[in-house]
N, C-alpha and C. Protein backbone atom coordinates (compact mmCIF):
# COMPACT_ATOMS: atom_id res chain seq x y z
N UNK A 1 12.76 45.83 -35.49
CA UNK A 1 12.05 47.06 -35.57
C UNK A 1 12.08 47.77 -34.22
N UNK A 2 11.39 48.90 -34.19
CA UNK A 2 11.40 49.73 -33.00
C UNK A 2 10.60 49.11 -31.86
N UNK A 3 9.48 48.43 -32.13
CA UNK A 3 8.63 47.91 -31.07
C UNK A 3 8.99 46.50 -30.64
N UNK A 4 10.01 45.90 -31.23
CA UNK A 4 10.33 44.52 -30.88
C UNK A 4 11.25 44.47 -29.68
N UNK A 5 11.03 43.44 -28.85
CA UNK A 5 11.94 43.21 -27.71
C UNK A 5 13.10 42.38 -28.19
N UNK A 6 14.24 42.66 -27.65
CA UNK A 6 15.42 41.86 -27.99
C UNK A 6 15.60 40.77 -26.95
N UNK A 7 15.78 39.56 -27.43
CA UNK A 7 16.05 38.43 -26.53
C UNK A 7 17.53 38.23 -26.46
N UNK A 8 18.05 37.97 -25.25
CA UNK A 8 19.50 37.76 -25.15
C UNK A 8 19.88 36.43 -25.80
N UNK A 9 21.06 36.41 -26.34
CA UNK A 9 21.59 35.21 -26.97
C UNK A 9 22.18 34.34 -25.89
N UNK A 10 21.69 33.11 -25.80
CA UNK A 10 22.19 32.18 -24.80
C UNK A 10 23.01 31.12 -25.51
N UNK A 11 24.26 30.97 -25.10
CA UNK A 11 25.15 29.98 -25.69
C UNK A 11 25.48 28.97 -24.60
N UNK A 12 25.25 27.71 -24.93
CA UNK A 12 25.53 26.65 -23.95
C UNK A 12 26.61 25.74 -24.51
N UNK A 13 27.53 25.32 -23.67
CA UNK A 13 28.57 24.38 -24.09
C UNK A 13 27.96 23.00 -24.18
N UNK A 14 28.26 22.32 -25.27
CA UNK A 14 27.72 20.98 -25.46
C UNK A 14 28.66 20.19 -26.37
N UNK A 15 28.65 18.89 -26.18
CA UNK A 15 29.47 18.06 -27.04
C UNK A 15 28.75 17.74 -28.33
N UNK A 16 27.46 18.03 -28.40
CA UNK A 16 26.72 17.73 -29.62
C UNK A 16 26.84 18.88 -30.62
N UNK A 17 26.49 18.58 -31.84
CA UNK A 17 26.59 19.60 -32.89
C UNK A 17 25.34 20.45 -33.01
N UNK A 18 24.27 20.09 -32.26
CA UNK A 18 23.03 20.83 -32.40
C UNK A 18 23.03 22.12 -31.59
N UNK A 19 23.87 22.24 -30.56
CA UNK A 19 23.86 23.43 -29.73
C UNK A 19 24.28 24.68 -30.52
N UNK A 20 25.36 24.63 -31.32
CA UNK A 20 25.71 25.83 -32.07
C UNK A 20 24.63 26.19 -33.10
N UNK A 21 23.97 25.18 -33.67
CA UNK A 21 22.93 25.47 -34.63
C UNK A 21 21.76 26.20 -34.00
N UNK A 22 21.32 25.75 -32.80
CA UNK A 22 20.20 26.41 -32.17
C UNK A 22 20.59 27.79 -31.64
N UNK A 23 21.82 27.94 -31.19
CA UNK A 23 22.28 29.25 -30.72
C UNK A 23 22.37 30.21 -31.90
N UNK A 24 22.78 29.71 -33.07
CA UNK A 24 22.89 30.61 -34.23
C UNK A 24 21.51 31.07 -34.69
N UNK A 25 20.46 30.27 -34.43
CA UNK A 25 19.09 30.66 -34.77
C UNK A 25 18.50 31.59 -33.73
N UNK A 26 19.19 31.81 -32.63
CA UNK A 26 18.69 32.73 -31.62
C UNK A 26 17.83 32.07 -30.57
N UNK A 27 17.71 30.74 -30.58
CA UNK A 27 16.87 30.03 -29.61
C UNK A 27 17.66 29.55 -28.43
N UNK A 28 17.09 29.67 -27.26
CA UNK A 28 17.74 29.15 -26.06
C UNK A 28 17.29 27.72 -25.87
N UNK A 29 17.82 27.08 -24.88
CA UNK A 29 17.45 25.73 -24.53
C UNK A 29 15.98 25.70 -24.14
N UNK A 30 15.12 25.02 -24.92
CA UNK A 30 13.69 25.05 -24.62
C UNK A 30 13.35 24.43 -23.27
N UNK A 31 14.09 23.42 -22.86
CA UNK A 31 13.84 22.81 -21.55
C UNK A 31 14.17 23.78 -20.42
N UNK A 32 15.25 24.51 -20.56
CA UNK A 32 15.62 25.51 -19.55
C UNK A 32 14.59 26.63 -19.50
N UNK A 33 14.10 27.07 -20.68
CA UNK A 33 13.08 28.11 -20.71
C UNK A 33 11.79 27.65 -20.04
N UNK A 34 11.40 26.40 -20.36
CA UNK A 34 10.18 25.86 -19.76
C UNK A 34 10.33 25.70 -18.25
N UNK A 35 11.47 25.26 -17.81
CA UNK A 35 11.73 25.13 -16.37
C UNK A 35 11.68 26.49 -15.69
N UNK A 36 12.30 27.49 -16.29
CA UNK A 36 12.27 28.84 -15.71
C UNK A 36 10.86 29.39 -15.64
N UNK A 37 10.09 29.19 -16.69
CA UNK A 37 8.70 29.68 -16.69
C UNK A 37 7.86 28.95 -15.65
N UNK A 38 8.07 27.64 -15.53
CA UNK A 38 7.33 26.89 -14.50
C UNK A 38 7.69 27.36 -13.10
N UNK A 39 8.96 27.59 -12.86
CA UNK A 39 9.40 28.07 -11.53
C UNK A 39 8.82 29.44 -11.23
N UNK A 40 8.83 30.34 -12.21
CA UNK A 40 8.28 31.67 -11.95
C UNK A 40 6.77 31.60 -11.74
N UNK A 41 6.09 30.71 -12.47
CA UNK A 41 4.66 30.51 -12.25
C UNK A 41 4.41 29.96 -10.84
N UNK A 42 5.23 29.00 -10.44
CA UNK A 42 5.10 28.41 -9.10
C UNK A 42 5.31 29.44 -8.02
N UNK A 43 6.30 30.29 -8.19
CA UNK A 43 6.56 31.35 -7.21
C UNK A 43 5.36 32.31 -7.15
N UNK A 44 4.85 32.67 -8.31
CA UNK A 44 3.68 33.56 -8.35
C UNK A 44 2.47 32.95 -7.68
N UNK A 45 2.22 31.68 -7.91
CA UNK A 45 1.09 31.00 -7.27
C UNK A 45 1.28 30.94 -5.76
N UNK A 46 2.49 30.63 -5.32
CA UNK A 46 2.76 30.57 -3.87
C UNK A 46 2.57 31.94 -3.22
N UNK A 47 3.02 32.98 -3.88
CA UNK A 47 2.82 34.34 -3.34
C UNK A 47 1.35 34.69 -3.27
N UNK A 48 0.59 34.34 -4.32
CA UNK A 48 -0.84 34.60 -4.31
C UNK A 48 -1.52 33.80 -3.22
N UNK A 49 -1.14 32.53 -3.06
CA UNK A 49 -1.77 31.67 -2.05
C UNK A 49 -1.48 32.19 -0.65
N UNK A 50 -0.31 32.72 -0.42
CA UNK A 50 0.04 33.22 0.90
C UNK A 50 -0.83 34.42 1.31
N UNK A 51 -1.36 35.12 0.33
CA UNK A 51 -2.21 36.28 0.61
C UNK A 51 -3.70 35.92 0.80
N UNK A 52 -4.04 34.67 0.49
CA UNK A 52 -5.43 34.24 0.54
C UNK A 52 -5.83 33.76 1.93
N UNK A 53 -7.12 33.82 2.26
CA UNK A 53 -7.58 33.24 3.52
C UNK A 53 -7.35 31.73 3.52
N UNK A 54 -7.38 31.15 4.70
CA UNK A 54 -7.09 29.74 4.87
C UNK A 54 -8.02 28.86 4.01
N UNK A 55 -9.30 29.20 3.99
CA UNK A 55 -10.24 28.33 3.26
C UNK A 55 -9.98 28.34 1.75
N UNK A 56 -9.51 29.46 1.20
CA UNK A 56 -9.20 29.51 -0.24
C UNK A 56 -7.96 28.69 -0.52
N UNK A 57 -6.93 28.88 0.31
CA UNK A 57 -5.70 28.11 0.11
C UNK A 57 -5.97 26.61 0.26
N UNK A 58 -6.77 26.25 1.25
CA UNK A 58 -7.08 24.83 1.46
C UNK A 58 -7.85 24.25 0.28
N UNK A 59 -8.81 24.98 -0.25
CA UNK A 59 -9.60 24.51 -1.38
C UNK A 59 -8.74 24.32 -2.63
N UNK A 60 -7.88 25.30 -2.92
CA UNK A 60 -7.03 25.21 -4.10
C UNK A 60 -6.00 24.09 -3.92
N UNK A 61 -5.42 23.99 -2.76
CA UNK A 61 -4.44 22.93 -2.49
C UNK A 61 -5.09 21.56 -2.58
N UNK A 62 -6.28 21.41 -2.04
CA UNK A 62 -6.99 20.14 -2.11
C UNK A 62 -7.30 19.78 -3.54
N UNK A 63 -7.75 20.74 -4.31
CA UNK A 63 -8.07 20.48 -5.73
C UNK A 63 -6.83 20.07 -6.51
N UNK A 64 -5.71 20.77 -6.31
CA UNK A 64 -4.49 20.38 -7.02
C UNK A 64 -4.03 18.99 -6.60
N UNK A 65 -4.11 18.70 -5.30
CA UNK A 65 -3.73 17.38 -4.81
C UNK A 65 -4.61 16.29 -5.39
N UNK A 66 -5.90 16.56 -5.49
CA UNK A 66 -6.85 15.58 -6.02
C UNK A 66 -6.57 15.34 -7.51
N UNK A 67 -6.28 16.40 -8.26
CA UNK A 67 -5.99 16.24 -9.68
C UNK A 67 -4.71 15.39 -9.87
N UNK A 68 -3.68 15.70 -9.09
CA UNK A 68 -2.43 14.93 -9.19
C UNK A 68 -2.68 13.47 -8.83
N UNK A 69 -3.38 13.23 -7.74
CA UNK A 69 -3.68 11.86 -7.32
C UNK A 69 -4.54 11.13 -8.32
N UNK A 70 -5.53 11.83 -8.87
CA UNK A 70 -6.39 11.22 -9.86
C UNK A 70 -5.62 10.82 -11.11
N UNK A 71 -4.69 11.68 -11.53
CA UNK A 71 -3.88 11.36 -12.71
C UNK A 71 -2.98 10.15 -12.42
N UNK A 72 -2.38 10.13 -11.25
CA UNK A 72 -1.52 9.00 -10.87
C UNK A 72 -2.32 7.73 -10.77
N UNK A 73 -3.48 7.78 -10.11
CA UNK A 73 -4.32 6.60 -9.98
C UNK A 73 -4.82 6.11 -11.32
N UNK A 74 -5.22 7.01 -12.18
CA UNK A 74 -5.67 6.61 -13.51
C UNK A 74 -4.57 5.97 -14.31
N UNK A 75 -3.36 6.51 -14.19
CA UNK A 75 -2.21 5.93 -14.87
C UNK A 75 -1.92 4.53 -14.33
N UNK A 76 -1.95 4.39 -13.02
CA UNK A 76 -1.71 3.08 -12.43
C UNK A 76 -2.81 2.08 -12.84
N UNK A 77 -4.03 2.50 -12.87
CA UNK A 77 -5.13 1.62 -13.30
C UNK A 77 -5.02 1.23 -14.75
N UNK A 78 -4.46 2.11 -15.58
CA UNK A 78 -4.28 1.82 -16.99
C UNK A 78 -3.24 0.74 -17.20
N UNK A 79 -2.20 0.76 -16.38
CA UNK A 79 -1.13 -0.22 -16.53
C UNK A 79 -1.40 -1.55 -15.83
N UNK A 80 -2.58 -1.67 -15.23
CA UNK A 80 -2.94 -2.93 -14.58
C UNK A 80 -3.12 -4.01 -15.64
N UNK A 81 -3.01 -5.25 -15.23
CA UNK A 81 -3.23 -6.33 -16.20
C UNK A 81 -4.61 -6.24 -16.86
N UNK A 82 -4.75 -6.86 -18.00
CA UNK A 82 -5.99 -6.90 -18.77
C UNK A 82 -6.42 -5.52 -19.25
N UNK A 83 -5.46 -4.70 -19.63
CA UNK A 83 -5.77 -3.41 -20.23
C UNK A 83 -6.46 -2.44 -19.33
N UNK A 84 -6.21 -2.49 -18.03
CA UNK A 84 -6.82 -1.56 -17.11
C UNK A 84 -8.14 -2.01 -16.54
N UNK A 85 -8.55 -3.20 -16.87
CA UNK A 85 -9.81 -3.69 -16.32
C UNK A 85 -9.65 -4.09 -14.87
N UNK A 86 -8.43 -4.07 -14.39
CA UNK A 86 -8.18 -4.42 -13.00
C UNK A 86 -7.71 -5.85 -12.88
N UNK A 87 -7.24 -6.17 -11.70
CA UNK A 87 -6.81 -7.53 -11.43
C UNK A 87 -8.02 -8.43 -11.36
N UNK A 88 -7.90 -9.65 -11.80
CA UNK A 88 -9.05 -10.56 -11.70
C UNK A 88 -9.34 -10.88 -10.25
N UNK A 89 -10.50 -10.50 -9.79
CA UNK A 89 -10.91 -10.75 -8.42
C UNK A 89 -12.17 -11.58 -8.44
N UNK A 90 -12.10 -12.79 -7.91
CA UNK A 90 -13.31 -13.61 -7.92
C UNK A 90 -14.36 -13.04 -6.98
N UNK A 91 -15.61 -13.31 -7.31
CA UNK A 91 -16.69 -12.85 -6.47
C UNK A 91 -16.81 -13.77 -5.25
N UNK A 92 -16.98 -13.20 -4.07
CA UNK A 92 -17.07 -14.04 -2.86
C UNK A 92 -18.36 -14.84 -2.86
N UNK A 93 -18.29 -16.07 -2.35
CA UNK A 93 -19.50 -16.86 -2.26
C UNK A 93 -20.44 -16.30 -1.20
N UNK A 94 -21.75 -16.52 -1.35
CA UNK A 94 -22.68 -16.02 -0.34
C UNK A 94 -22.46 -16.70 0.99
N UNK A 95 -22.67 -15.94 2.08
CA UNK A 95 -22.52 -16.46 3.44
C UNK A 95 -21.09 -16.61 3.86
N UNK A 96 -20.19 -15.84 3.27
CA UNK A 96 -18.77 -15.93 3.59
C UNK A 96 -18.48 -15.30 4.94
N UNK A 97 -17.50 -15.82 5.63
CA UNK A 97 -17.05 -15.29 6.93
C UNK A 97 -16.67 -13.82 6.76
N UNK A 98 -17.04 -12.95 7.69
CA UNK A 98 -16.74 -11.50 7.56
C UNK A 98 -15.26 -11.19 7.40
N UNK A 99 -14.39 -11.97 8.05
CA UNK A 99 -12.95 -11.72 7.91
C UNK A 99 -12.49 -12.05 6.48
N UNK A 100 -13.00 -13.10 5.91
CA UNK A 100 -12.64 -13.43 4.54
C UNK A 100 -13.22 -12.39 3.58
N UNK A 101 -14.40 -11.89 3.88
CA UNK A 101 -15.02 -10.85 3.05
C UNK A 101 -14.16 -9.60 3.03
N UNK A 102 -13.54 -9.27 4.16
CA UNK A 102 -12.67 -8.11 4.23
C UNK A 102 -11.50 -8.25 3.27
N UNK A 103 -10.96 -9.45 3.15
CA UNK A 103 -9.86 -9.69 2.23
C UNK A 103 -10.30 -9.48 0.78
N UNK A 104 -11.50 -9.94 0.46
CA UNK A 104 -12.03 -9.70 -0.90
C UNK A 104 -12.21 -8.22 -1.16
N UNK A 105 -12.70 -7.48 -0.19
CA UNK A 105 -12.91 -6.04 -0.40
C UNK A 105 -11.60 -5.31 -0.58
N UNK A 106 -10.57 -5.71 0.17
CA UNK A 106 -9.27 -5.08 0.01
C UNK A 106 -8.72 -5.34 -1.39
N UNK A 107 -8.86 -6.55 -1.88
CA UNK A 107 -8.38 -6.87 -3.23
C UNK A 107 -9.15 -6.07 -4.27
N UNK A 108 -10.44 -5.92 -4.08
CA UNK A 108 -11.25 -5.17 -5.03
C UNK A 108 -10.89 -3.68 -5.02
N UNK A 109 -10.59 -3.14 -3.84
CA UNK A 109 -10.25 -1.72 -3.75
C UNK A 109 -8.94 -1.41 -4.46
N UNK A 110 -8.01 -2.35 -4.44
CA UNK A 110 -6.73 -2.13 -5.07
C UNK A 110 -6.69 -2.63 -6.51
N UNK A 111 -7.75 -3.26 -6.97
CA UNK A 111 -7.74 -3.88 -8.29
C UNK A 111 -8.63 -3.18 -9.28
N UNK A 112 -9.19 -2.06 -8.95
CA UNK A 112 -10.10 -1.40 -9.87
C UNK A 112 -9.40 -0.90 -11.11
N UNK A 113 -10.18 -0.59 -12.10
CA UNK A 113 -9.64 -0.03 -13.35
C UNK A 113 -9.21 1.41 -13.17
N UNK A 114 -8.91 2.08 -14.26
CA UNK A 114 -8.39 3.45 -14.19
C UNK A 114 -9.31 4.43 -13.44
N UNK A 115 -10.60 4.33 -13.63
CA UNK A 115 -11.50 5.28 -12.96
C UNK A 115 -11.57 5.04 -11.48
N UNK A 116 -11.60 3.79 -11.08
CA UNK A 116 -11.64 3.46 -9.65
C UNK A 116 -10.35 3.90 -8.98
N UNK A 117 -9.23 3.58 -9.60
CA UNK A 117 -7.94 3.99 -9.03
C UNK A 117 -7.83 5.51 -9.02
N UNK A 118 -8.26 6.18 -10.06
CA UNK A 118 -8.22 7.63 -10.09
C UNK A 118 -9.02 8.22 -8.94
N UNK A 119 -10.22 7.70 -8.73
CA UNK A 119 -11.07 8.19 -7.62
C UNK A 119 -10.38 7.96 -6.28
N UNK A 120 -9.87 6.75 -6.04
CA UNK A 120 -9.26 6.44 -4.76
C UNK A 120 -8.03 7.31 -4.48
N UNK A 121 -7.18 7.45 -5.49
CA UNK A 121 -5.98 8.28 -5.29
C UNK A 121 -6.32 9.76 -5.19
N UNK A 122 -7.33 10.21 -5.93
CA UNK A 122 -7.72 11.62 -5.85
C UNK A 122 -8.20 11.95 -4.44
N UNK A 123 -9.01 11.08 -3.86
CA UNK A 123 -9.49 11.31 -2.49
C UNK A 123 -8.32 11.31 -1.53
N UNK A 124 -7.45 10.32 -1.65
CA UNK A 124 -6.35 10.18 -0.71
C UNK A 124 -5.40 11.38 -0.79
N UNK A 125 -4.95 11.75 -1.99
CA UNK A 125 -3.98 12.84 -2.10
C UNK A 125 -4.60 14.19 -1.88
N UNK A 126 -5.83 14.38 -2.33
CA UNK A 126 -6.52 15.65 -2.11
C UNK A 126 -6.74 15.91 -0.65
N UNK A 127 -7.22 14.90 0.08
CA UNK A 127 -7.45 15.05 1.53
C UNK A 127 -6.14 15.33 2.24
N UNK A 128 -5.07 14.62 1.86
CA UNK A 128 -3.79 14.82 2.53
C UNK A 128 -3.29 16.24 2.29
N UNK A 129 -3.37 16.72 1.06
CA UNK A 129 -2.89 18.06 0.76
C UNK A 129 -3.72 19.13 1.47
N UNK A 130 -5.05 18.97 1.46
CA UNK A 130 -5.89 19.95 2.12
C UNK A 130 -5.71 20.01 3.62
N UNK A 131 -5.66 18.84 4.26
CA UNK A 131 -5.48 18.82 5.72
C UNK A 131 -4.10 19.34 6.09
N UNK A 132 -3.06 18.98 5.32
CA UNK A 132 -1.71 19.51 5.57
C UNK A 132 -1.70 21.03 5.48
N UNK A 133 -2.38 21.56 4.48
CA UNK A 133 -2.44 23.01 4.29
C UNK A 133 -3.09 23.68 5.49
N UNK A 134 -4.23 23.17 5.93
CA UNK A 134 -4.94 23.77 7.06
C UNK A 134 -4.09 23.67 8.33
N UNK A 135 -3.48 22.51 8.56
CA UNK A 135 -2.64 22.32 9.77
C UNK A 135 -1.48 23.30 9.75
N UNK A 136 -0.85 23.47 8.59
CA UNK A 136 0.28 24.40 8.49
C UNK A 136 -0.18 25.83 8.75
N UNK A 137 -1.33 26.23 8.22
CA UNK A 137 -1.85 27.58 8.41
C UNK A 137 -2.24 27.83 9.85
N UNK A 138 -2.96 26.86 10.44
CA UNK A 138 -3.46 27.06 11.81
C UNK A 138 -2.33 27.01 12.81
N UNK A 139 -1.41 26.07 12.66
CA UNK A 139 -0.34 25.89 13.64
C UNK A 139 0.87 26.75 13.35
N UNK A 140 1.02 27.21 12.10
CA UNK A 140 2.15 28.06 11.76
C UNK A 140 3.44 27.31 11.52
N UNK A 141 3.40 25.99 11.49
CA UNK A 141 4.60 25.19 11.31
C UNK A 141 4.22 23.88 10.59
N UNK A 142 5.15 23.38 9.81
CA UNK A 142 4.94 22.09 9.16
C UNK A 142 5.82 21.08 9.90
N UNK A 143 5.18 20.22 10.68
CA UNK A 143 5.92 19.27 11.51
C UNK A 143 5.32 17.88 11.41
N UNK A 144 5.86 16.96 12.20
CA UNK A 144 5.42 15.58 12.16
C UNK A 144 3.97 15.42 12.61
N UNK A 145 3.52 16.22 13.57
CA UNK A 145 2.14 16.12 14.05
C UNK A 145 1.13 16.51 12.95
N UNK A 146 1.42 17.59 12.25
CA UNK A 146 0.55 17.99 11.15
C UNK A 146 0.55 17.00 10.03
N UNK A 147 1.71 16.44 9.75
CA UNK A 147 1.83 15.45 8.70
C UNK A 147 1.06 14.17 9.05
N UNK A 148 1.14 13.78 10.30
CA UNK A 148 0.40 12.59 10.76
C UNK A 148 -1.08 12.83 10.78
N UNK A 149 -1.53 14.02 11.14
CA UNK A 149 -2.96 14.35 11.14
C UNK A 149 -3.51 14.27 9.72
N UNK A 150 -2.74 14.81 8.77
CA UNK A 150 -3.17 14.77 7.36
C UNK A 150 -3.22 13.34 6.87
N UNK A 151 -2.23 12.54 7.24
CA UNK A 151 -2.21 11.13 6.80
C UNK A 151 -3.38 10.35 7.43
N UNK A 152 -3.71 10.64 8.69
CA UNK A 152 -4.84 9.98 9.31
C UNK A 152 -6.13 10.30 8.55
N UNK A 153 -6.35 11.58 8.26
CA UNK A 153 -7.56 11.98 7.53
C UNK A 153 -7.60 11.36 6.15
N UNK A 154 -6.50 11.37 5.43
CA UNK A 154 -6.52 10.80 4.08
C UNK A 154 -6.69 9.29 4.11
N UNK A 155 -6.11 8.62 5.10
CA UNK A 155 -6.30 7.17 5.22
C UNK A 155 -7.72 6.81 5.57
N UNK A 156 -8.33 7.57 6.45
CA UNK A 156 -9.72 7.30 6.83
C UNK A 156 -10.64 7.52 5.64
N UNK A 157 -10.45 8.60 4.91
CA UNK A 157 -11.28 8.86 3.74
C UNK A 157 -11.06 7.83 2.63
N UNK A 158 -9.81 7.42 2.44
CA UNK A 158 -9.50 6.40 1.46
C UNK A 158 -10.24 5.10 1.80
N UNK A 159 -10.22 4.76 3.08
CA UNK A 159 -10.91 3.54 3.52
C UNK A 159 -12.40 3.60 3.23
N UNK A 160 -13.00 4.74 3.50
CA UNK A 160 -14.46 4.90 3.29
C UNK A 160 -14.79 4.86 1.79
N UNK A 161 -14.03 5.58 0.97
CA UNK A 161 -14.32 5.68 -0.45
C UNK A 161 -14.05 4.36 -1.17
N UNK A 162 -12.97 3.70 -0.80
CA UNK A 162 -12.60 2.48 -1.52
C UNK A 162 -13.45 1.29 -1.10
N UNK A 163 -14.07 1.36 0.10
CA UNK A 163 -14.90 0.28 0.56
C UNK A 163 -14.14 -0.94 1.01
N UNK A 164 -12.85 -0.79 1.28
CA UNK A 164 -12.08 -1.93 1.70
C UNK A 164 -12.12 -2.11 3.21
N UNK A 165 -11.87 -3.32 3.66
CA UNK A 165 -11.70 -3.55 5.07
C UNK A 165 -12.80 -4.36 5.70
N UNK A 166 -12.95 -4.18 6.99
CA UNK A 166 -13.85 -4.97 7.82
C UNK A 166 -15.31 -4.59 7.57
N UNK A 167 -16.23 -5.39 8.08
CA UNK A 167 -17.65 -5.06 7.92
C UNK A 167 -18.05 -3.76 8.63
N UNK A 168 -17.28 -3.34 9.63
CA UNK A 168 -17.58 -2.12 10.35
C UNK A 168 -16.76 -0.97 9.74
N UNK A 169 -17.36 -0.10 8.93
CA UNK A 169 -16.59 0.94 8.24
C UNK A 169 -15.95 1.98 9.18
N UNK A 170 -16.57 2.24 10.32
CA UNK A 170 -16.00 3.23 11.24
C UNK A 170 -14.70 2.71 11.84
N UNK A 171 -14.71 1.48 12.32
CA UNK A 171 -13.51 0.87 12.88
C UNK A 171 -12.42 0.78 11.80
N UNK A 172 -12.82 0.39 10.60
CA UNK A 172 -11.85 0.28 9.52
C UNK A 172 -11.27 1.64 9.15
N UNK A 173 -12.08 2.68 9.11
CA UNK A 173 -11.58 4.02 8.80
C UNK A 173 -10.57 4.48 9.85
N UNK A 174 -10.86 4.22 11.09
CA UNK A 174 -9.94 4.60 12.18
C UNK A 174 -8.64 3.81 12.08
N UNK A 175 -8.73 2.51 11.89
CA UNK A 175 -7.49 1.72 11.83
C UNK A 175 -6.67 2.05 10.58
N UNK A 176 -7.33 2.27 9.46
CA UNK A 176 -6.60 2.63 8.26
C UNK A 176 -5.96 4.01 8.41
N UNK A 177 -6.70 4.95 8.98
CA UNK A 177 -6.15 6.26 9.25
C UNK A 177 -4.94 6.21 10.18
N UNK A 178 -5.05 5.36 11.21
CA UNK A 178 -3.91 5.22 12.14
C UNK A 178 -2.70 4.61 11.42
N UNK A 179 -2.95 3.61 10.58
CA UNK A 179 -1.84 3.00 9.85
C UNK A 179 -1.16 4.03 8.92
N UNK A 180 -1.96 4.81 8.22
CA UNK A 180 -1.41 5.87 7.36
C UNK A 180 -0.60 6.87 8.20
N UNK A 181 -1.15 7.25 9.34
CA UNK A 181 -0.46 8.24 10.20
C UNK A 181 0.87 7.71 10.74
N UNK A 182 0.90 6.45 11.16
CA UNK A 182 2.15 5.88 11.66
C UNK A 182 3.20 5.82 10.53
N UNK A 183 2.75 5.36 9.37
CA UNK A 183 3.67 5.28 8.24
C UNK A 183 4.19 6.66 7.88
N UNK A 184 3.30 7.65 7.79
CA UNK A 184 3.72 9.01 7.41
C UNK A 184 4.61 9.62 8.48
N UNK A 185 4.31 9.36 9.76
CA UNK A 185 5.16 9.88 10.83
C UNK A 185 6.56 9.30 10.74
N UNK A 186 6.66 8.01 10.48
CA UNK A 186 7.97 7.39 10.33
C UNK A 186 8.72 7.93 9.14
N UNK A 187 7.99 8.13 8.04
CA UNK A 187 8.60 8.69 6.83
C UNK A 187 9.07 10.11 7.09
N UNK A 188 8.27 10.92 7.77
CA UNK A 188 8.62 12.30 8.05
C UNK A 188 9.87 12.38 8.93
N UNK A 189 9.90 11.53 9.95
CA UNK A 189 11.06 11.53 10.87
C UNK A 189 12.32 11.05 10.16
N UNK A 190 12.17 10.00 9.31
CA UNK A 190 13.33 9.45 8.63
C UNK A 190 13.91 10.39 7.58
N UNK A 191 13.03 11.00 6.80
CA UNK A 191 13.52 11.80 5.68
C UNK A 191 13.33 13.28 5.86
N UNK A 192 12.72 13.68 6.97
CA UNK A 192 12.58 15.11 7.26
C UNK A 192 11.71 15.81 6.26
N UNK A 193 11.76 17.08 6.27
CA UNK A 193 10.91 17.91 5.41
C UNK A 193 11.51 17.97 4.10
């Protein structure tokens, strides 16, 4: 009709017999269409984010990072033994040595079910994404120092939220943050941006 838009006919070469059938129906490759739409949406979001103040971009970036991390953590917790109930971790006996207690806490932090893992990963990835965003905006460059600062912050927050480590949470947050930063710095240098 007069008010209808015409869609271009897309023909793709394929060894299968389904390509000519879908082309004759006027449909393009649905995966290619979905990919194109996702890319255009991503470009639009990036353009919008570039126009926003730092605090808006940081908040949105942190939220997206937390959602991604939460989904990953929940998925990992679901695939844990015993249907996502976590790894079997015995309860420590009363009066246990603080160093041995730290080992139990580390096992418990990594052995939680889907909700525990989702929380831990959401904090870790959200903090990393938000701090990276702020560092990039403030410094004007994405480099190894900004990456290490984000990793330190996410490691420290992960340590606090998960409750793993030594009896002194401040020392543990600092050492975990430093370990994350060193690892991320090495990864950044090895594989670049």
